[in-house]
Amino acid sequence: MTDQPQHLPVEALDDWTSAACAALGIDRASVDIGLLLDLARDVAHGVARPAAPLSAYLAGLAAGRAGGSREDTAAAVATITTLAASWRADDHDS
């Protein structure tokens, strides 16, 4: 065991996605990796880094409830991306 963190090499991302989709019973063709990575980037920079995985989960949940197509995913991602672009933490502090 090593103390070095283990990271997925960029070239293995497609293999990982295919394996995860197979394990979850998801059609790999329905997953747009670039769209989801862009969502994570936009939320991480526009809101906060920890909000990125949460937002990806919420987009997936919304897309699944809407039918689960690539178009449903794109619509959910667009909604969150728009929200992140207009987000100002100062306006939303409790």
C-alpha atoms as a PDB file:
ATOM      1  CA  MET A   1       0.000   0.000   0.000  1.00  0.00           C
ATOM      2  CA  THR A   2       1.274   3.439  -0.852  1.00  0.00           C
ATOM      3  CA  ASP A   3       0.712   6.848   0.660  1.00  0.00           C
ATOM      4  CA  GLN A   4       0.449   8.285  -2.860  1.00  0.00           C
ATOM      5  CA  PRO A   5      -3.116   9.107  -3.899  1.00  0.00           C
ATOM      6  CA  GLN A   6      -4.358   6.996  -6.778  1.00  0.00           C
ATOM      7  CA  HIS A   7      -5.801   8.935  -9.708  1.00  0.00           C
ATOM      8  CA  LEU A   8      -7.431   7.672 -12.852  1.00  0.00           C
ATOM      9  CA  PRO A   9      -5.219   8.385 -15.876  1.00  0.00           C
ATOM     10  CA  VAL A  10      -7.025  10.540 -18.414  1.00  0.00           C
ATOM     11  CA  GLU A  11      -6.795   7.806 -21.049  1.00  0.00           C
ATOM     12  CA  ALA A  12      -8.616   5.371 -18.736  1.00  0.00           C
ATOM     13  CA  LEU A  13     -11.685   7.601 -18.331  1.00  0.00           C
ATOM     14  CA  ASP A  14     -13.603   5.938 -21.152  1.00  0.00           C
ATOM     15  CA  ASP A  15     -12.813   2.462 -19.813  1.00  0.00           C
ATOM     16  CA  TRP A  16     -13.905   3.497 -16.319  1.00  0.00           C
ATOM     17  CA  THR A  17     -17.130   5.002 -17.664  1.00  0.00           C
ATOM     18  CA  SER A  18     -17.911   1.848 -19.631  1.00  0.00           C
ATOM     19  CA  ALA A  19     -17.258  -0.355 -16.598  1.00  0.00           C
ATOM     20  CA  ALA A  20     -19.342   1.847 -14.284  1.00  0.00           C
ATOM     21  CA  CYS A  21     -22.192   1.928 -16.800  1.00  0.00           C
ATOM     22  CA  ALA A  22     -22.106  -1.864 -17.128  1.00  0.00           C
ATOM     23  CA  ALA A  23     -22.118  -2.300 -13.345  1.00  0.00           C
ATOM     24  CA  LEU A  24     -25.096   0.061 -13.006  1.00  0.00           C
ATOM     25  CA  GLY A  25     -27.025  -1.230 -16.010  1.00  0.00           C
ATOM     26  CA  ILE A  26     -26.736   2.097 -17.850  1.00  0.00           C
ATOM     27  CA  ASP A  27     -26.461   2.339 -21.628  1.00  0.00           C
ATOM     28  CA  ARG A  28     -22.946   3.716 -22.195  1.00  0.00           C
ATOM     29  CA  ALA A  29     -24.151   5.586 -25.276  1.00  0.00           C
ATOM     30  CA  SER A  30     -26.393   7.700 -23.046  1.00  0.00           C
ATOM     31  CA  VAL A  31     -23.424   9.158 -21.137  1.00  0.00           C
ATOM     32  CA  ASP A  32     -21.803  12.331 -22.462  1.00  0.00           C
ATOM     33  CA  ILE A  33     -18.525  12.512 -20.545  1.00  0.00           C
ATOM     34  CA  GLY A  34     -17.584  15.961 -21.843  1.00  0.00           C
ATOM     35  CA  LEU A  35     -20.937  17.450 -20.860  1.00  0.00           C
ATOM     36  CA  LEU A  36     -20.634  16.133 -17.304  1.00  0.00           C
ATOM     37  CA  LEU A  37     -17.018  17.217 -16.926  1.00  0.00           C
ATOM     38  CA  ASP A  38     -17.962  20.694 -18.151  1.00  0.00           C
ATOM     39  CA  LEU A  39     -20.766  20.784 -15.586  1.00  0.00           C
ATOM     40  CA  ALA A  40     -18.364  19.835 -12.804  1.00  0.00           C
ATOM     41  CA  ARG A  41     -15.873  22.497 -13.935  1.00  0.00           C
ATOM     42  CA  ASP A  42     -18.503  25.230 -14.170  1.00  0.00           C
ATOM     43  CA  VAL A  43     -19.971  24.464 -10.756  1.00  0.00           C
ATOM     44  CA  ALA A  44     -16.569  24.053  -9.110  1.00  0.00           C
ATOM     45  CA  HIS A  45     -15.467  27.464 -10.407  1.00  0.00           C
ATOM     46  CA  GLY A  46     -18.791  29.277 -10.115  1.00  0.00           C
ATOM     47  CA  VAL A  47     -20.037  27.937  -6.784  1.00  0.00           C
ATOM     48  CA  ALA A  48     -17.556  25.758  -4.863  1.00  0.00           C
ATOM     49  CA  ARG A  49     -15.508  22.647  -5.560  1.00  0.00           C
ATOM     50  CA  PRO A  50     -17.580  20.403  -3.265  1.00  0.00           C
ATOM     51  CA  ALA A  51     -20.715  21.454  -5.151  1.00  0.00           C
ATOM     52  CA  ALA A  52     -19.445  19.797  -8.362  1.00  0.00           C
ATOM     53  CA  PRO A  53     -20.103  16.121  -7.509  1.00  0.00           C
ATOM     54  CA  LEU A  54     -23.344  17.021  -5.761  1.00  0.00           C
ATOM     55  CA  SER A  55     -24.496  18.934  -8.832  1.00  0.00           C
ATOM     56  CA  ALA A  56     -23.574  16.037 -11.123  1.00  0.00           C
ATOM     57  CA  TYR A  57     -25.653  13.729  -8.939  1.00  0.00           C
ATOM     58  CA  LEU A  58     -28.596  16.139  -8.958  1.00  0.00           C
ATOM     59  CA  ALA A  59     -28.390  16.502 -12.745  1.00  0.00           C
ATOM     60  CA  GLY A  60     -28.412  12.715 -13.099  1.00  0.00           C
ATOM     61  CA  LEU A  61     -31.327  12.377 -10.728  1.00  0.00           C
ATOM     62  CA  ALA A  62     -33.327  15.021 -12.600  1.00  0.00           C
ATOM     63  CA  ALA A  63     -32.442  13.485 -15.969  1.00  0.00           C
ATOM     64  CA  GLY A  64     -33.479  10.036 -14.781  1.00  0.00           C
ATOM     65  CA  ARG A  65     -36.794  11.307 -13.496  1.00  0.00           C
ATOM     66  CA  ALA A  66     -37.384  13.058 -16.828  1.00  0.00           C
ATOM     67  CA  GLY A  67     -36.756   9.866 -18.813  1.00  0.00           C
ATOM     68  CA  GLY A  68     -32.999   9.412 -18.809  1.00  0.00           C
ATOM     69  CA  SER A  69     -32.172  10.318 -22.393  1.00  0.00           C
ATOM     70  CA  ARG A  70     -29.111  12.306 -23.470  1.00  0.00           C
ATOM     71  CA  GLU A  71     -31.476  15.201 -24.101  1.00  0.00           C
ATOM     72  CA  ASP A  72     -32.878  14.926 -20.567  1.00  0.00           C
ATOM     73  CA  THR A  73     -29.336  14.982 -19.218  1.00  0.00           C
ATOM     74  CA  ALA A  74     -28.408  17.974 -21.369  1.00  0.00           C
ATOM     75  CA  ALA A  75     -31.473  19.867 -20.144  1.00  0.00           C
ATOM     76  CA  ALA A  76     -30.672  19.169 -16.481  1.00  0.00           C
ATOM     77  CA  VAL A  77     -27.032  20.139 -16.988  1.00  0.00           C
ATOM     78  CA  ALA A  78     -28.057  23.356 -18.770  1.00  0.00           C
ATOM     79  CA  THR A  79     -30.302  24.296 -15.847  1.00  0.00           C
ATOM     80  CA  ILE A  80     -27.544  23.787 -13.288  1.00  0.00           C
ATOM     81  CA  THR A  81     -24.902  25.451 -15.464  1.00  0.00           C
ATOM     82  CA  THR A  82     -27.104  28.525 -15.823  1.00  0.00           C
ATOM     83  CA  LEU A  83     -27.664  28.605 -12.075  1.00  0.00           C
ATOM     84  CA  ALA A  84     -23.917  28.260 -11.402  1.00  0.00           C
ATOM     85  CA  ALA A  85     -23.104  31.061 -13.852  1.00  0.00           C
ATOM     86  CA  SER A  86     -25.343  33.447 -11.957  1.00  0.00           C
ATOM     87  CA  TRP A  87     -24.422  32.215  -8.474  1.00  0.00           C
ATOM     88  CA  ARG A  88     -22.919  34.600  -6.004  1.00  0.00           C
ATOM     89  CA  ALA A  89     -22.265  33.125  -2.593  1.00  0.00           C
ATOM     90  CA  ASP A  90     -22.800  36.503  -0.952  1.00  0.00           C
ATOM     91  CA  ASP A  91     -26.378  36.550  -2.258  1.00  0.00           C
ATOM     92  CA  HIS A  92     -27.123  33.091  -0.850  1.00  0.00           C
ATOM     93  CA  ASP A  93     -25.531  33.136   2.611  1.00  0.00           C
ATOM     94  CA  SER A  94     -27.971  32.166   5.328  1.00  0.00           C
END
